[in-house]
Every structure is written in C-alpha cells, then in structure tokens.
N, C-alpha and C. Protein backbone atom coordinates (compact mmCIF):
# COMPACT_ATOMS: atom_id res chain seq x y z
N UNK A 1 1.01 -1.16 -0.28
CA UNK A 1 -0.11 -0.61 -0.11
C UNK A 1 1.10 0.62 -0.04
N UNK A 2 0.79 1.55 -1.14
CA UNK A 2 1.37 3.21 -1.04
C UNK A 2 0.42 4.37 -0.09
N UNK A 3 2.21 5.30 0.63
CA UNK A 3 2.07 5.94 1.76
C UNK A 3 1.59 7.24 1.35
N UNK A 4 0.91 8.01 2.71
CA UNK A 4 1.93 9.52 2.39
C UNK A 4 3.43 9.74 2.08
N UNK A 5 3.53 8.90 2.57
CA UNK A 5 5.36 9.62 2.77
C UNK A 5 6.00 8.24 1.40
N UNK A 6 6.00 7.83 0.34
CA UNK A 6 6.14 7.22 -0.68
C UNK A 6 6.43 8.51 -1.27
N UNK A 7 4.51 8.71 -1.38
CA UNK A 7 4.01 10.29 -1.66
C UNK A 7 5.44 11.19 -2.59
N UNK A 8 5.51 11.68 -1.27
CA UNK A 8 6.42 12.68 -0.52
C UNK A 8 7.32 12.38 -1.38
N UNK A 9 8.09 11.26 -1.39
CA UNK A 9 10.02 11.02 -1.28
C UNK A 9 9.21 11.16 -3.18
N UNK A 10 8.99 10.79 -3.61
CA UNK A 10 8.17 10.53 -5.36
C UNK A 10 8.54 11.79 -5.42
N UNK A 11 7.76 13.26 -4.76
CA UNK A 11 7.36 14.36 -5.34
C UNK A 11 8.83 15.56 -5.04
N UNK A 12 9.80 14.66 -4.01
CA UNK A 12 10.68 15.21 -3.05
C UNK A 12 11.52 15.80 -4.15
N UNK A 13 12.58 14.60 -5.04
CA UNK A 13 13.54 14.71 -5.95
C UNK A 13 13.40 15.56 -7.27
N UNK A 14 12.37 15.97 -7.60
CA UNK A 14 11.41 16.72 -8.79
C UNK A 14 12.16 18.71 -8.54
N UNK A 15 12.75 18.55 -9.44
CA UNK A 15 14.10 19.79 -9.20
C UNK A 15 13.10 20.41 -9.97
N UNK A 16 13.54 21.95 -10.19
CA UNK A 16 13.56 23.07 -10.72
C UNK A 16 13.93 23.29 -11.74
N UNK A 17 13.32 23.19 -13.12
CA UNK A 17 14.95 23.28 -14.66
C UNK A 17 15.45 24.34 -14.04
N UNK A 18 15.68 25.90 -14.04
CA UNK A 18 16.56 26.37 -13.39
C UNK A 18 16.37 27.28 -11.83
N UNK A 19 16.09 26.62 -11.57
CA UNK A 19 16.30 26.64 -9.86
C UNK A 19 16.94 25.62 -9.14
N UNK A 20 17.49 25.99 -8.07
CA UNK A 20 18.58 24.49 -8.10
C UNK A 20 18.35 23.99 -6.54
N UNK A 21 16.30 23.66 -6.61
CA UNK A 21 16.32 23.35 -5.43
C UNK A 21 15.09 22.72 -5.87
N UNK A 22 14.62 21.79 -5.80
CA UNK A 22 13.18 21.25 -5.00
C UNK A 22 11.59 21.75 -5.04
N UNK A 23 11.38 21.73 -6.38
CA UNK A 23 8.53 22.39 -6.20
C UNK A 23 8.94 22.44 -4.98
N UNK A 24 9.06 21.23 -3.82
CA UNK A 24 9.13 21.14 -3.16
C UNK A 24 9.42 22.84 -1.51
N UNK A 25 11.44 22.95 -2.33
CA UNK A 25 12.23 23.30 -1.37
C UNK A 25 10.94 25.12 -1.53
N UNK A 26 11.01 25.07 -2.73
CA UNK A 26 11.09 26.60 -3.00
C UNK A 26 9.52 27.16 -3.12
N UNK A 27 8.53 26.15 -2.25
CA UNK A 27 6.86 26.54 -1.66
C UNK A 27 5.73 25.98 -2.74
N UNK A 28 6.40 26.09 -4.51
CA UNK A 28 5.46 26.07 -5.67
C UNK A 28 4.33 24.80 -5.03
N UNK A 29 5.43 23.66 -5.12
CA UNK A 29 3.78 21.86 -4.57
C UNK A 29 4.45 22.64 -2.53
N UNK A 30 3.27 22.10 -2.13
CA UNK A 30 2.41 22.29 -1.03
C UNK A 30 0.28 21.30 -0.87
N UNK A 31 0.62 21.42 0.17
CA UNK A 31 -0.59 21.05 0.84
C UNK A 31 -0.52 20.03 0.31
N UNK A 32 0.35 18.83 0.13
CA UNK A 32 0.72 17.44 -0.51
C UNK A 32 -1.16 15.99 0.42
N UNK A 33 -1.83 15.24 -0.52
CA UNK A 33 -2.36 14.70 0.55
C UNK A 33 -3.23 13.94 -0.51
N UNK A 34 -2.58 12.42 0.47
CA UNK A 34 -3.27 11.37 -0.44
C UNK A 34 -4.95 10.64 0.47
N UNK A 35 -4.90 10.69 -0.72
CA UNK A 35 -6.83 10.09 -0.23
C UNK A 35 -7.05 9.19 -1.63
N UNK A 36 -6.91 7.35 -0.34
CA UNK A 36 -6.93 6.48 -1.90
C UNK A 36 -6.13 6.46 -2.02
N UNK A 37 -7.16 6.79 -3.57
CA UNK A 37 -6.06 6.35 -4.55
C UNK A 37 -5.47 7.87 -6.02
N UNK A 38 -5.50 9.08 -5.27
CA UNK A 38 -5.74 10.39 -5.10
C UNK A 38 -4.65 10.57 -4.89
N UNK A 39 -4.05 11.95 -5.05
CA UNK A 39 -2.94 12.85 -4.25
C UNK A 39 -3.85 14.50 -4.93
N UNK A 40 -3.51 14.77 -3.73
CA UNK A 40 -4.72 16.88 -4.23
C UNK A 40 -2.52 16.88 -3.70
N UNK A 41 -3.01 18.28 -4.69
CA UNK A 41 -1.65 19.25 -4.23
C UNK A 41 -2.37 21.19 -4.31
N UNK A 42 -1.31 21.90 -3.77
CA UNK A 42 -1.30 23.04 -4.68
C UNK A 42 -0.34 23.03 -5.62
N UNK A 43 -0.34 23.93 -6.47
CA UNK A 43 1.18 24.38 -7.11
C UNK A 43 0.99 26.49 -6.63
N UNK A 44 1.82 27.06 -6.34
CA UNK A 44 1.68 28.09 -5.89
C UNK A 44 2.76 28.77 -6.24
N UNK A 45 3.03 29.43 -7.82
CA UNK A 45 3.60 30.47 -8.61
C UNK A 45 3.70 32.11 -7.84
N UNK A 46 4.23 32.35 -8.06
CA UNK A 46 5.33 33.77 -7.48
C UNK A 46 3.76 34.87 -8.47
N UNK A 47 4.11 34.52 -9.86
CA UNK A 47 3.13 35.74 -10.02
C UNK A 47 2.16 34.65 -11.22
N UNK A 48 1.90 35.21 -11.91
CA UNK A 48 0.78 34.58 -12.54
C UNK A 48 1.16 34.04 -14.06
N UNK A 49 0.81 33.25 -14.69
CA UNK A 49 0.95 33.04 -15.85
C UNK A 49 3.08 33.07 -15.80
N UNK A 50 2.45 32.18 -15.75
CA UNK A 50 4.93 31.57 -15.66
C UNK A 50 5.24 31.20 -17.20
N UNK A 51 5.33 31.23 -17.33
CA UNK A 51 5.57 30.33 -19.17
C UNK A 51 5.96 28.91 -18.50
N UNK A 52 6.59 28.97 -17.43
CA UNK A 52 6.75 26.95 -17.62
C UNK A 52 6.16 26.03 -16.34
N UNK A 53 4.80 27.41 -16.20
CA UNK A 53 4.06 26.45 -15.24
C UNK A 53 3.78 24.93 -15.96
N UNK A 54 3.01 25.00 -17.18
CA UNK A 54 3.02 23.47 -17.12
C UNK A 54 3.60 22.38 -17.43
N UNK A 55 4.26 22.62 -17.37
CA UNK A 55 5.72 21.89 -17.73
C UNK A 55 6.03 21.75 -16.33
N UNK A 56 6.37 22.51 -15.01
CA UNK A 56 6.52 22.61 -13.76
C UNK A 56 5.14 21.33 -12.70
N UNK A 57 4.00 21.40 -13.71
CA UNK A 57 2.27 20.54 -13.20
C UNK A 57 3.22 19.81 -13.77
N UNK A 58 3.64 19.16 -15.22
CA UNK A 58 3.89 18.13 -15.48
C UNK A 58 5.13 17.17 -14.89
N UNK A 59 5.85 17.17 -15.28
CA UNK A 59 7.50 17.41 -13.85
C UNK A 59 6.10 16.85 -12.54
N UNK A 60 5.55 17.12 -12.24
CA UNK A 60 5.15 16.57 -10.38
C UNK A 60 3.87 15.41 -11.04
N UNK A 61 3.25 15.43 -11.40
CA UNK A 61 2.79 14.43 -12.34
C UNK A 61 2.63 14.01 -12.79
N UNK A 62 4.19 13.53 -12.93
CA UNK A 62 4.70 12.33 -13.93
C UNK A 62 4.82 10.63 -12.06
N UNK A 63 5.99 11.51 -11.53
CA UNK A 63 6.12 10.32 -10.47
C UNK A 63 4.50 9.91 -9.42
N UNK A 64 3.60 11.32 -9.53
CA UNK A 64 2.50 10.84 -8.83
C UNK A 64 1.61 10.00 -9.37
N UNK A 65 1.64 9.86 -10.43
CA UNK A 65 1.42 8.81 -11.88
C UNK A 65 1.80 6.97 -11.80
N UNK A 66 3.39 7.61 -12.36
CA UNK A 66 4.32 6.14 -12.15
C UNK A 66 3.74 5.67 -10.77
N UNK A 67 3.77 6.27 -9.23
CA UNK A 67 3.13 5.51 -7.84
C UNK A 67 1.29 4.83 -8.50
N UNK A 68 1.29 4.79 -9.31
CA UNK A 68 -0.34 4.24 -9.80
C UNK A 68 -1.52 5.30 -9.69
N UNK A 69 -1.77 6.13 -9.14
CA UNK A 69 -2.23 7.32 -8.15
C UNK A 69 -2.89 8.35 -9.17
N UNK A 70 -3.77 8.56 -8.98
CA UNK A 70 -4.45 9.78 -9.80
C UNK A 70 -3.88 11.70 -8.83
N UNK A 71 -3.32 12.21 -10.60
CA UNK A 71 -3.01 13.69 -8.97
C UNK A 71 -3.82 14.82 -9.21
N UNK A 72 -4.65 15.45 -8.53
CA UNK A 72 -5.45 16.84 -7.98
C UNK A 72 -5.10 17.50 -8.16
N UNK A 73 -5.24 18.59 -8.88
CA UNK A 73 -4.31 19.84 -8.32
C UNK A 73 -5.54 20.79 -7.97
N UNK A 74 -4.45 22.00 -7.89
CA UNK A 74 -5.14 23.56 -7.72
C UNK A 74 -4.00 24.42 -8.07
N UNK A 75 -4.19 25.40 -8.96
CA UNK A 75 -2.85 26.76 -9.11
C UNK A 75 -3.42 27.55 -7.94
N UNK A 76 -2.29 28.41 -7.34
CA UNK A 76 -3.04 29.06 -6.73
C UNK A 76 -0.87 30.95 -6.99
N UNK A 77 -2.01 31.94 -6.39
CA UNK A 77 -0.78 32.67 -6.47
C UNK A 77 0.19 33.28 -5.36
N UNK A 78 1.52 32.60 -4.75
CA UNK A 78 1.94 33.21 -3.24
C UNK A 78 1.78 33.88 -2.69
N UNK A 79 1.45 33.82 -1.53
CA UNK A 79 0.90 34.85 -0.72
C UNK A 79 2.58 35.85 -0.38
N UNK A 80 2.87 36.79 -0.58
CA UNK A 80 4.15 38.22 -0.26
C UNK A 80 5.39 37.51 0.67
N UNK A 81 4.83 36.65 1.79
CA UNK A 81 5.91 36.57 2.48
C UNK A 81 6.41 35.28 1.77
N UNK A 82 5.45 34.43 0.70
CA UNK A 82 5.77 32.95 -0.13
C UNK A 82 6.82 33.34 -1.28
N UNK A 83 6.50 34.32 -2.00
CA UNK A 83 7.29 34.93 -2.79
C UNK A 83 8.69 35.20 -2.41
N UNK A 84 8.30 36.33 -1.92
CA UNK A 84 10.11 36.86 -0.70
C UNK A 84 10.59 35.66 -0.84
N UNK A 85 10.26 34.62 -0.10
CA UNK A 85 11.53 33.47 0.65
C UNK A 85 11.87 33.10 -1.13
N UNK A 86 10.51 32.13 -2.07
CA UNK A 86 10.33 31.60 -2.69
C UNK A 86 11.97 32.93 -4.05
N UNK A 87 11.88 34.23 -4.19
CA UNK A 87 11.98 35.54 -4.98
C UNK A 87 13.83 35.09 -4.50
N UNK A 88 14.73 34.71 -3.16
CA UNK A 88 15.42 34.95 -2.18
C UNK A 88 16.21 33.64 -2.39
N UNK A 89 15.63 32.38 -2.63
CA UNK A 89 16.01 31.24 -2.92
C UNK A 89 16.88 31.10 -5.03
N UNK A 90 15.57 32.69 -5.75
CA UNK A 90 16.19 32.10 -6.63
C UNK A 90 17.01 32.61 -6.80
N UNK A 91 17.61 33.19 -6.77
CA UNK A 91 18.23 35.05 -6.72
C UNK A 91 20.24 33.56 -5.93
N UNK A 92 19.69 33.25 -5.15
CA UNK A 92 20.57 32.39 -4.31
C UNK A 92 20.71 30.82 -5.12
N UNK A 93 20.29 30.51 -6.24
CA UNK A 93 20.46 29.09 -6.59
C UNK A 93 19.99 29.34 -8.61
N UNK A 94 20.02 30.14 -8.85
CA UNK A 94 19.68 30.28 -10.61
C UNK A 94 20.61 29.69 -11.77
N UNK A 95 20.05 29.01 -11.82
CA UNK A 95 21.71 28.17 -12.47
C UNK A 95 20.89 28.96 -14.46
N UNK A 96 19.60 28.81 -14.46
CA UNK A 96 19.60 29.48 -16.03
C UNK A 96 18.55 28.17 -16.88
N UNK A 97 18.04 28.51 -17.81
CA UNK A 97 17.31 27.31 -18.59
C UNK A 97 17.92 27.27 -19.35
C-alpha cells in the first residue's frame, strides 16, 4: 500500500529546471495529501502566467502517476511572504534554462 511518505519521497526529487532547488523546497508544491488512489496538491506560483507552469505541473504529475495514483491539483499565487522567500532562493540558486 502506498503511503503519504511514499508520495512525498517521489515528488521531493523533482527539481526546478532553472533554480537549483526542488519544487517542494521552493514552495511551488504544497498541501500534498494522499486520499485513496488520488493525490491532492496545490501549485503556488510567484506570479500569474508563469511560462513554464505546465512543465512544472507535468514534472510533479509524472512521479505521482508512476505510483499508480491520480494527481488532482489547484493553482494559486503565492502570498507576499512566500513570494519573498521564493525570490530569495531563486537569487541564491539561479542556474538558468
């Protein structure tokens, strides 16, 4: 049986393509909850209309689907505090696309 920890372990390896941190570390992926065969989660982006949003979402969906689970998500904009933390981490670890 797959556990919440299995899901977190699977998605915790997904790194941002331009910033040398994982999507979990950056706060882009949060509120991950395993419910039967579904994983609910939230994608929080620092700004609306992020050009690579679909790529980031797909990169998290894949390991969830590889576990045989269905990802269900909502998209939100980061709070000002989350955005400030994200921008600081981006400045620290930017590697470019």
